[in-house]
């Protein structure tokens, strides 16, 4: 697997976290919105390094990002899940 193939899911999840952060804030869930936004920003800024240098850490980051997306959808089930979790 190439670096760009490993980097793509990290960036995809970061984008989904950013979108859901905005939705959470719109719902008045500021704490969750802040966490989603912070994690997405960190993922976007480190995606290349994670994919290139530390695949174990990258896997851990992806699992935690999926957990945050799941938390958002548990708290706000009226929003569609979207393609990231399918």
C-alpha atoms as a PDB file:
ATOM      1  CA  UNK A   1       0.000   0.000   0.000  1.00  0.00           C
ATOM      2  CA  UNK A   2       1.394   3.399  -0.965  1.00  0.00           C
ATOM      3  CA  UNK A   3       1.650   6.391   1.337  1.00  0.00           C
ATOM      4  CA  UNK A   4      -1.131   8.205  -0.520  1.00  0.00           C
ATOM      5  CA  UNK A   5      -3.394   5.152  -0.163  1.00  0.00           C
ATOM      6  CA  UNK A   6      -2.755   5.140   3.595  1.00  0.00           C
ATOM      7  CA  UNK A   7      -3.173   8.919   3.829  1.00  0.00           C
ATOM      8  CA  UNK A   8      -6.531   9.055   2.009  1.00  0.00           C
ATOM      9  CA  UNK A   9      -8.693   7.455   4.736  1.00  0.00           C
ATOM     10  CA  UNK A  10      -7.132   9.692   7.385  1.00  0.00           C
ATOM     11  CA  UNK A  11      -8.014  12.791   5.379  1.00  0.00           C
ATOM     12  CA  UNK A  12     -11.481  11.441   4.573  1.00  0.00           C
ATOM     13  CA  UNK A  13     -12.212  10.883   8.249  1.00  0.00           C
ATOM     14  CA  UNK A  14     -10.826  14.316   9.135  1.00  0.00           C
ATOM     15  CA  UNK A  15     -13.172  15.903   6.604  1.00  0.00           C
ATOM     16  CA  UNK A  16     -16.123  13.983   8.046  1.00  0.00           C
ATOM     17  CA  UNK A  17     -15.151  15.104  11.554  1.00  0.00           C
ATOM     18  CA  UNK A  18     -15.035  18.738  10.392  1.00  0.00           C
ATOM     19  CA  UNK A  19     -18.490  18.454   8.842  1.00  0.00           C
ATOM     20  CA  UNK A  20     -19.922  16.835  11.939  1.00  0.00           C
ATOM     21  CA  UNK A  21     -18.246  19.421  14.176  1.00  0.00           C
ATOM     22  CA  UNK A  22     -20.247  22.133  12.423  1.00  0.00           C
ATOM     23  CA  UNK A  23     -23.436  20.111  12.766  1.00  0.00           C
ATOM     24  CA  UNK A  24     -22.792  19.505  16.466  1.00  0.00           C
ATOM     25  CA  UNK A  25     -22.313  23.220  17.106  1.00  0.00           C
ATOM     26  CA  UNK A  26     -25.504  23.947  15.135  1.00  0.00           C
ATOM     27  CA  UNK A  27     -27.271  21.538  17.501  1.00  0.00           C
ATOM     28  CA  UNK A  28     -25.881  23.357  20.535  1.00  0.00           C
ATOM     29  CA  UNK A  29     -23.483  20.527  21.363  1.00  0.00           C
ATOM     30  CA  UNK A  30     -20.470  22.816  21.641  1.00  0.00           C
ATOM     31  CA  UNK A  31     -18.247  20.420  23.593  1.00  0.00           C
ATOM     32  CA  UNK A  32     -18.578  17.634  21.033  1.00  0.00           C
ATOM     33  CA  UNK A  33     -18.164  20.158  18.227  1.00  0.00           C
ATOM     34  CA  UNK A  34     -14.943  21.444  19.761  1.00  0.00           C
ATOM     35  CA  UNK A  35     -13.523  17.927  20.149  1.00  0.00           C
ATOM     36  CA  UNK A  36     -14.472  16.939  16.608  1.00  0.00           C
ATOM     37  CA  UNK A  37     -12.948  20.116  15.197  1.00  0.00           C
ATOM     38  CA  UNK A  38      -9.724  19.767  17.215  1.00  0.00           C
ATOM     39  CA  UNK A  39      -9.191  16.153  16.239  1.00  0.00           C
ATOM     40  CA  UNK A  40      -9.971  16.823  12.577  1.00  0.00           C
ATOM     41  CA  UNK A  41      -7.470  19.693  12.487  1.00  0.00           C
ATOM     42  CA  UNK A  42      -4.778  17.530  14.063  1.00  0.00           C
ATOM     43  CA  UNK A  43      -5.490  14.683  11.651  1.00  0.00           C
ATOM     44  CA  UNK A  44      -5.303  16.936   8.592  1.00  0.00           C
ATOM     45  CA  UNK A  45      -2.013  18.467   9.683  1.00  0.00           C
ATOM     46  CA  UNK A  46      -0.362  15.109  10.428  1.00  0.00           C
ATOM     47  CA  UNK A  47      -1.973  12.792   7.852  1.00  0.00           C
ATOM     48  CA  UNK A  48       1.093  12.576   5.642  1.00  0.00           C
ATOM     49  CA  UNK A  49       3.493  11.925   8.509  1.00  0.00           C
ATOM     50  CA  UNK A  50       1.204   9.303  10.050  1.00  0.00           C
ATOM     51  CA  UNK A  51       0.797   7.495   6.741  1.00  0.00           C
ATOM     52  CA  UNK A  52       4.500   7.640   5.980  1.00  0.00           C
ATOM     53  CA  UNK A  53       6.180   6.992   9.313  1.00  0.00           C
ATOM     54  CA  UNK A  54       3.892   5.269  11.796  1.00  0.00           C
ATOM     55  CA  UNK A  55       1.190   2.991  10.439  1.00  0.00           C
ATOM     56  CA  UNK A  56       0.347   1.614  13.898  1.00  0.00           C
ATOM     57  CA  UNK A  57      -0.329   5.090  15.240  1.00  0.00           C
ATOM     58  CA  UNK A  58      -2.269   5.929  12.069  1.00  0.00           C
ATOM     59  CA  UNK A  59      -4.498   2.906  12.660  1.00  0.00           C
ATOM     60  CA  UNK A  60      -5.107   3.978  16.231  1.00  0.00           C
ATOM     61  CA  UNK A  61      -6.003   7.508  15.109  1.00  0.00           C
ATOM     62  CA  UNK A  62      -8.450   6.149  12.539  1.00  0.00           C
ATOM     63  CA  UNK A  63     -10.159   3.950  15.139  1.00  0.00           C
ATOM     64  CA  UNK A  64     -10.541   6.873  17.534  1.00  0.00           C
ATOM     65  CA  UNK A  65     -11.900   9.080  14.754  1.00  0.00           C
ATOM     66  CA  UNK A  66     -14.476   6.412  13.952  1.00  0.00           C
ATOM     67  CA  UNK A  67     -15.395   6.365  17.637  1.00  0.00           C
ATOM     68  CA  UNK A  68     -15.964  10.122  17.582  1.00  0.00           C
ATOM     69  CA  UNK A  69     -18.128   9.858  14.478  1.00  0.00           C
ATOM     70  CA  UNK A  70     -20.117   7.115  16.186  1.00  0.00           C
ATOM     71  CA  UNK A  71     -20.539   9.287  19.286  1.00  0.00           C
ATOM     72  CA  UNK A  72     -21.856  12.122  17.134  1.00  0.00           C
ATOM     73  CA  UNK A  73     -24.418   9.864  15.454  1.00  0.00           C
ATOM     74  CA  UNK A  74     -25.499   8.363  18.775  1.00  0.00           C
ATOM     75  CA  UNK A  75     -26.132  11.845  20.168  1.00  0.00           C
ATOM     76  CA  UNK A  76     -27.684  13.184  16.953  1.00  0.00           C
ATOM     77  CA  UNK A  77     -29.296  10.219  15.177  1.00  0.00           C
ATOM     78  CA  UNK A  78     -31.433  12.404  12.912  1.00  0.00           C
ATOM     79  CA  UNK A  79     -28.381  13.182  10.749  1.00  0.00           C
ATOM     80  CA  UNK A  80     -27.529  10.713   7.978  1.00  0.00           C
ATOM     81  CA  UNK A  81     -24.462   8.608   8.623  1.00  0.00           C
ATOM     82  CA  UNK A  82     -22.809   9.409   5.309  1.00  0.00           C
ATOM     83  CA  UNK A  83     -20.396   7.402   3.206  1.00  0.00           C
ATOM     84  CA  UNK A  84     -17.482   7.370   5.673  1.00  0.00           C
ATOM     85  CA  UNK A  85     -19.133   4.904   8.040  1.00  0.00           C
ATOM     86  CA  UNK A  86     -20.668   2.704   5.342  1.00  0.00           C
END
